[in-house]
Amino acid sequence: MSRRRYVLAYDIREPKRLREVHNIAVSHGEALQYSVFLCDLSDSERIQLKAQLRDAMDLGEDSVVFIDLGEATGRGTECFEFLGQRSPLPPGQPQARVF
């Protein structure tokens, strides 16, 4: 099963929904910053994650973005450039998630 690396970022307007979306993101990826996550996902995991986020969000107020960085073992490990304090990135090997 092929995994792709995504940047997941969100802007959630209400504190209760924010906590719920944050907890969902934490269960699927590694935090780069508070509302920015790096996620290595299979197609089925990405579909499941999107469904969980939709259920937690107010689609009229909140926003989530997925940025596809490519294969988890390819460009997805090499396309980050940091200024200032560097956030730790997960290793270049795809990360298997347990849900």
N, C-alpha and C. Protein backbone atom coordinates (compact mmCIF):
# COMPACT_ATOMS: atom_id res chain seq x y z
N MET A 1 0.86 -1.18 0.00
CA MET A 1 0.00 0.00 0.00
C MET A 1 0.90 1.24 0.00
N SER A 2 0.69 2.09 -0.97
CA SER A 2 1.48 3.31 -1.11
C SER A 2 0.96 4.40 -0.16
N ARG A 3 1.90 5.12 0.44
CA ARG A 3 1.54 6.21 1.34
C ARG A 3 2.06 7.51 0.75
N ARG A 4 1.28 8.57 0.93
CA ARG A 4 1.68 9.89 0.48
C ARG A 4 1.81 10.78 1.70
N ARG A 5 2.70 11.76 1.59
CA ARG A 5 2.93 12.70 2.68
C ARG A 5 2.13 13.98 2.41
N TYR A 6 1.37 14.41 3.41
CA TYR A 6 0.53 15.60 3.31
C TYR A 6 0.87 16.58 4.43
N VAL A 7 0.77 17.85 4.12
CA VAL A 7 0.71 18.87 5.16
C VAL A 7 -0.77 19.12 5.38
N LEU A 8 -1.19 19.06 6.62
CA LEU A 8 -2.57 19.33 7.02
C LEU A 8 -2.53 20.58 7.90
N ALA A 9 -3.29 21.58 7.52
CA ALA A 9 -3.36 22.82 8.32
C ALA A 9 -4.82 23.20 8.48
N TYR A 10 -5.13 23.83 9.61
CA TYR A 10 -6.53 24.18 9.85
C TYR A 10 -6.67 25.52 10.53
N ASP A 11 -7.85 26.11 10.31
CA ASP A 11 -8.28 27.34 10.98
C ASP A 11 -9.69 27.10 11.47
N ILE A 12 -9.83 26.86 12.75
CA ILE A 12 -11.12 26.50 13.35
C ILE A 12 -11.54 27.63 14.28
N ARG A 13 -12.77 28.11 14.13
CA ARG A 13 -13.21 29.35 14.77
C ARG A 13 -13.77 29.21 16.18
N GLU A 14 -14.06 28.02 16.62
CA GLU A 14 -14.72 27.85 17.92
C GLU A 14 -13.87 26.88 18.77
N PRO A 15 -13.62 27.21 20.05
CA PRO A 15 -12.70 26.42 20.87
C PRO A 15 -13.04 24.93 20.98
N LYS A 16 -14.29 24.56 21.12
CA LYS A 16 -14.64 23.14 21.26
C LYS A 16 -14.32 22.40 19.96
N ARG A 17 -14.68 22.97 18.82
CA ARG A 17 -14.37 22.34 17.54
C ARG A 17 -12.85 22.31 17.31
N LEU A 18 -12.17 23.36 17.73
CA LEU A 18 -10.71 23.42 17.59
C LEU A 18 -10.06 22.26 18.33
N ARG A 19 -10.46 22.01 19.56
CA ARG A 19 -9.90 20.89 20.33
C ARG A 19 -10.18 19.56 19.63
N GLU A 20 -11.40 19.41 19.12
CA GLU A 20 -11.76 18.15 18.46
C GLU A 20 -10.93 17.95 17.18
N VAL A 21 -10.81 18.98 16.37
CA VAL A 21 -10.02 18.88 15.14
C VAL A 21 -8.55 18.64 15.48
N HIS A 22 -8.04 19.33 16.49
CA HIS A 22 -6.65 19.12 16.90
C HIS A 22 -6.42 17.66 17.32
N ASN A 23 -7.32 17.11 18.11
CA ASN A 23 -7.19 15.71 18.54
C ASN A 23 -7.22 14.75 17.36
N ILE A 24 -8.06 15.03 16.38
CA ILE A 24 -8.11 14.19 15.17
C ILE A 24 -6.77 14.28 14.44
N ALA A 25 -6.25 15.50 14.27
CA ALA A 25 -4.98 15.68 13.56
C ALA A 25 -3.84 14.98 14.30
N VAL A 26 -3.81 15.09 15.61
CA VAL A 26 -2.77 14.43 16.41
C VAL A 26 -2.79 12.92 16.20
N SER A 27 -3.98 12.36 16.04
CA SER A 27 -4.09 10.91 15.87
C SER A 27 -3.66 10.44 14.48
N HIS A 28 -3.45 11.37 13.55
CA HIS A 28 -3.10 11.00 12.18
C HIS A 28 -1.74 11.52 11.72
N GLY A 29 -1.09 12.37 12.51
CA GLY A 29 0.16 12.95 12.02
C GLY A 29 1.04 13.51 13.12
N GLU A 30 2.12 14.12 12.68
CA GLU A 30 3.10 14.73 13.56
C GLU A 30 2.95 16.25 13.48
N ALA A 31 2.86 16.91 14.63
CA ALA A 31 2.70 18.36 14.65
C ALA A 31 4.00 19.04 14.24
N LEU A 32 3.89 19.97 13.28
CA LEU A 32 5.01 20.86 12.93
C LEU A 32 4.87 22.16 13.70
N GLN A 33 3.64 22.63 13.80
CA GLN A 33 3.25 23.78 14.61
C GLN A 33 1.87 23.45 15.15
N TYR A 34 1.28 24.35 15.95
CA TYR A 34 0.02 23.99 16.62
C TYR A 34 -1.05 23.53 15.64
N SER A 35 -1.26 24.22 14.55
CA SER A 35 -2.33 23.85 13.63
C SER A 35 -1.80 23.35 12.29
N VAL A 36 -0.57 22.87 12.26
CA VAL A 36 0.05 22.36 11.04
C VAL A 36 0.64 20.98 11.35
N PHE A 37 0.25 19.99 10.55
CA PHE A 37 0.66 18.61 10.79
C PHE A 37 1.23 17.99 9.54
N LEU A 38 2.13 17.05 9.72
CA LEU A 38 2.67 16.25 8.64
C LEU A 38 2.08 14.85 8.79
N CYS A 39 1.39 14.39 7.74
CA CYS A 39 0.68 13.11 7.81
C CYS A 39 1.10 12.21 6.66
N ASP A 40 1.51 10.99 6.95
CA ASP A 40 1.76 9.97 5.94
C ASP A 40 0.53 9.09 5.90
N LEU A 41 -0.20 9.13 4.76
CA LEU A 41 -1.51 8.49 4.69
C LEU A 41 -1.66 7.63 3.44
N SER A 42 -2.32 6.51 3.60
CA SER A 42 -2.79 5.74 2.44
C SER A 42 -4.07 6.42 1.94
N ASP A 43 -4.56 6.00 0.78
CA ASP A 43 -5.80 6.59 0.26
C ASP A 43 -6.96 6.39 1.23
N SER A 44 -7.07 5.19 1.79
CA SER A 44 -8.19 4.93 2.70
C SER A 44 -8.06 5.74 3.99
N GLU A 45 -6.85 5.92 4.49
CA GLU A 45 -6.65 6.74 5.69
C GLU A 45 -7.00 8.21 5.43
N ARG A 46 -6.64 8.71 4.24
CA ARG A 46 -6.96 10.09 3.89
C ARG A 46 -8.48 10.29 3.81
N ILE A 47 -9.17 9.34 3.22
CA ILE A 47 -10.63 9.41 3.13
C ILE A 47 -11.25 9.38 4.52
N GLN A 48 -10.76 8.50 5.39
CA GLN A 48 -11.26 8.40 6.76
C GLN A 48 -10.99 9.69 7.52
N LEU A 49 -9.79 10.25 7.38
CA LEU A 49 -9.43 11.49 8.05
C LEU A 49 -10.34 12.63 7.61
N LYS A 50 -10.57 12.76 6.31
CA LYS A 50 -11.45 13.82 5.80
C LYS A 50 -12.86 13.68 6.37
N ALA A 51 -13.36 12.46 6.46
CA ALA A 51 -14.70 12.24 7.01
C ALA A 51 -14.75 12.66 8.49
N GLN A 52 -13.74 12.30 9.26
CA GLN A 52 -13.70 12.68 10.67
C GLN A 52 -13.65 14.19 10.82
N LEU A 53 -12.84 14.84 9.99
CA LEU A 53 -12.73 16.30 10.06
C LEU A 53 -14.05 16.98 9.69
N ARG A 54 -14.69 16.51 8.62
CA ARG A 54 -15.99 17.08 8.21
C ARG A 54 -17.00 16.99 9.35
N ASP A 55 -17.02 15.87 10.04
CA ASP A 55 -17.96 15.69 11.15
C ASP A 55 -17.68 16.65 12.30
N ALA A 56 -16.43 17.03 12.49
CA ALA A 56 -16.04 17.89 13.62
C ALA A 56 -16.14 19.37 13.29
N MET A 57 -16.14 19.72 12.01
CA MET A 57 -16.07 21.12 11.58
C MET A 57 -17.45 21.74 11.38
N ASP A 58 -17.48 23.05 11.37
CA ASP A 58 -18.59 23.81 10.82
C ASP A 58 -18.10 24.27 9.45
N LEU A 59 -18.59 23.65 8.39
CA LEU A 59 -18.07 23.91 7.05
C LEU A 59 -18.32 25.33 6.57
N GLY A 60 -19.23 26.04 7.22
CA GLY A 60 -19.49 27.43 6.88
C GLY A 60 -18.54 28.41 7.55
N GLU A 61 -17.82 27.96 8.59
CA GLU A 61 -16.92 28.84 9.34
C GLU A 61 -15.47 28.38 9.34
N ASP A 62 -15.24 27.08 9.34
CA ASP A 62 -13.91 26.52 9.54
C ASP A 62 -13.25 26.16 8.21
N SER A 63 -11.94 25.97 8.27
CA SER A 63 -11.18 25.63 7.07
C SER A 63 -10.08 24.63 7.39
N VAL A 64 -9.93 23.64 6.52
CA VAL A 64 -8.83 22.68 6.60
C VAL A 64 -8.24 22.57 5.20
N VAL A 65 -6.91 22.52 5.13
CA VAL A 65 -6.25 22.35 3.83
C VAL A 65 -5.33 21.13 3.90
N PHE A 66 -5.33 20.34 2.82
CA PHE A 66 -4.41 19.23 2.62
C PHE A 66 -3.47 19.64 1.49
N ILE A 67 -2.16 19.54 1.71
CA ILE A 67 -1.17 19.82 0.68
C ILE A 67 -0.41 18.53 0.42
N ASP A 68 -0.55 17.99 -0.78
CA ASP A 68 0.07 16.72 -1.15
C ASP A 68 1.54 16.97 -1.51
N LEU A 69 2.46 16.37 -0.73
CA LEU A 69 3.89 16.53 -0.96
C LEU A 69 4.49 15.40 -1.78
N GLY A 70 3.69 14.42 -2.11
CA GLY A 70 4.18 13.29 -2.90
C GLY A 70 4.40 12.06 -2.05
N GLU A 71 5.07 11.09 -2.65
CA GLU A 71 5.34 9.83 -1.96
C GLU A 71 6.05 10.11 -0.64
N ALA A 72 5.67 9.38 0.38
CA ALA A 72 6.22 9.60 1.73
C ALA A 72 7.72 9.37 1.78
N THR A 73 8.26 8.56 0.87
CA THR A 73 9.70 8.28 0.89
C THR A 73 10.47 9.09 -0.14
N GLY A 74 9.80 9.89 -0.95
CA GLY A 74 10.47 10.66 -1.99
C GLY A 74 10.56 12.12 -1.63
N ARG A 75 10.02 12.98 -2.51
CA ARG A 75 10.08 14.42 -2.34
C ARG A 75 9.50 14.86 -1.00
N GLY A 76 8.54 14.10 -0.48
CA GLY A 76 7.89 14.45 0.77
C GLY A 76 8.83 14.56 1.96
N THR A 77 10.04 14.04 1.83
CA THR A 77 11.01 14.14 2.92
C THR A 77 12.02 15.26 2.69
N GLU A 78 12.05 15.82 1.48
CA GLU A 78 13.13 16.74 1.11
C GLU A 78 12.66 18.16 0.82
N CYS A 79 11.39 18.46 0.92
CA CYS A 79 10.88 19.75 0.43
C CYS A 79 10.62 20.76 1.54
N PHE A 80 11.23 20.61 2.69
CA PHE A 80 11.04 21.54 3.80
C PHE A 80 12.26 22.43 3.96
N GLU A 81 12.01 23.70 4.19
CA GLU A 81 13.07 24.64 4.50
C GLU A 81 12.59 25.46 5.69
N PHE A 82 13.41 25.52 6.73
CA PHE A 82 13.02 26.22 7.95
C PHE A 82 13.87 27.48 8.13
N LEU A 83 13.25 28.50 8.66
CA LEU A 83 13.95 29.68 9.14
C LEU A 83 13.74 29.72 10.64
N GLY A 84 14.77 29.95 11.40
CA GLY A 84 14.62 29.93 12.85
C GLY A 84 14.64 28.50 13.36
N GLN A 85 13.92 28.26 14.42
CA GLN A 85 13.88 26.95 15.08
C GLN A 85 13.31 25.91 14.13
N ARG A 86 14.05 24.86 13.91
CA ARG A 86 13.62 23.79 13.02
C ARG A 86 12.69 22.83 13.75
N SER A 87 11.56 22.54 13.14
CA SER A 87 10.65 21.54 13.69
C SER A 87 11.17 20.16 13.33
N PRO A 88 11.12 19.21 14.25
CA PRO A 88 11.58 17.86 13.92
C PRO A 88 10.60 17.20 12.93
N LEU A 89 11.14 16.61 11.90
CA LEU A 89 10.33 15.89 10.93
C LEU A 89 10.41 14.41 11.21
N PRO A 90 9.33 13.68 10.93
CA PRO A 90 9.41 12.23 11.08
C PRO A 90 10.41 11.67 10.07
N PRO A 91 10.93 10.49 10.31
CA PRO A 91 11.90 9.90 9.40
C PRO A 91 11.30 9.73 8.00
N GLY A 92 12.18 9.53 7.01
CA GLY A 92 11.75 9.44 5.63
C GLY A 92 10.94 8.20 5.29
N GLN A 93 10.93 7.24 6.17
CA GLN A 93 10.13 6.05 5.90
C GLN A 93 8.66 6.32 6.21
N PRO A 94 7.75 5.76 5.43
CA PRO A 94 6.33 5.98 5.71
C PRO A 94 5.98 5.54 7.13
N GLN A 95 5.12 6.33 7.74
CA GLN A 95 4.69 6.06 9.10
C GLN A 95 3.35 5.31 9.06
N ALA A 96 3.31 4.14 9.66
CA ALA A 96 2.06 3.40 9.76
C ALA A 96 1.29 3.94 10.96
N ARG A 97 0.04 4.21 10.79
CA ARG A 97 -0.80 4.74 11.86
C ARG A 97 -1.74 3.65 12.36
N VAL A 98 -1.97 3.63 13.64
CA VAL A 98 -2.91 2.72 14.26
C VAL A 98 -4.10 3.55 14.73
N PHE A 99 -5.27 3.20 14.28
CA PHE A 99 -6.48 3.97 14.64
C PHE A 99 -7.37 3.18 15.56
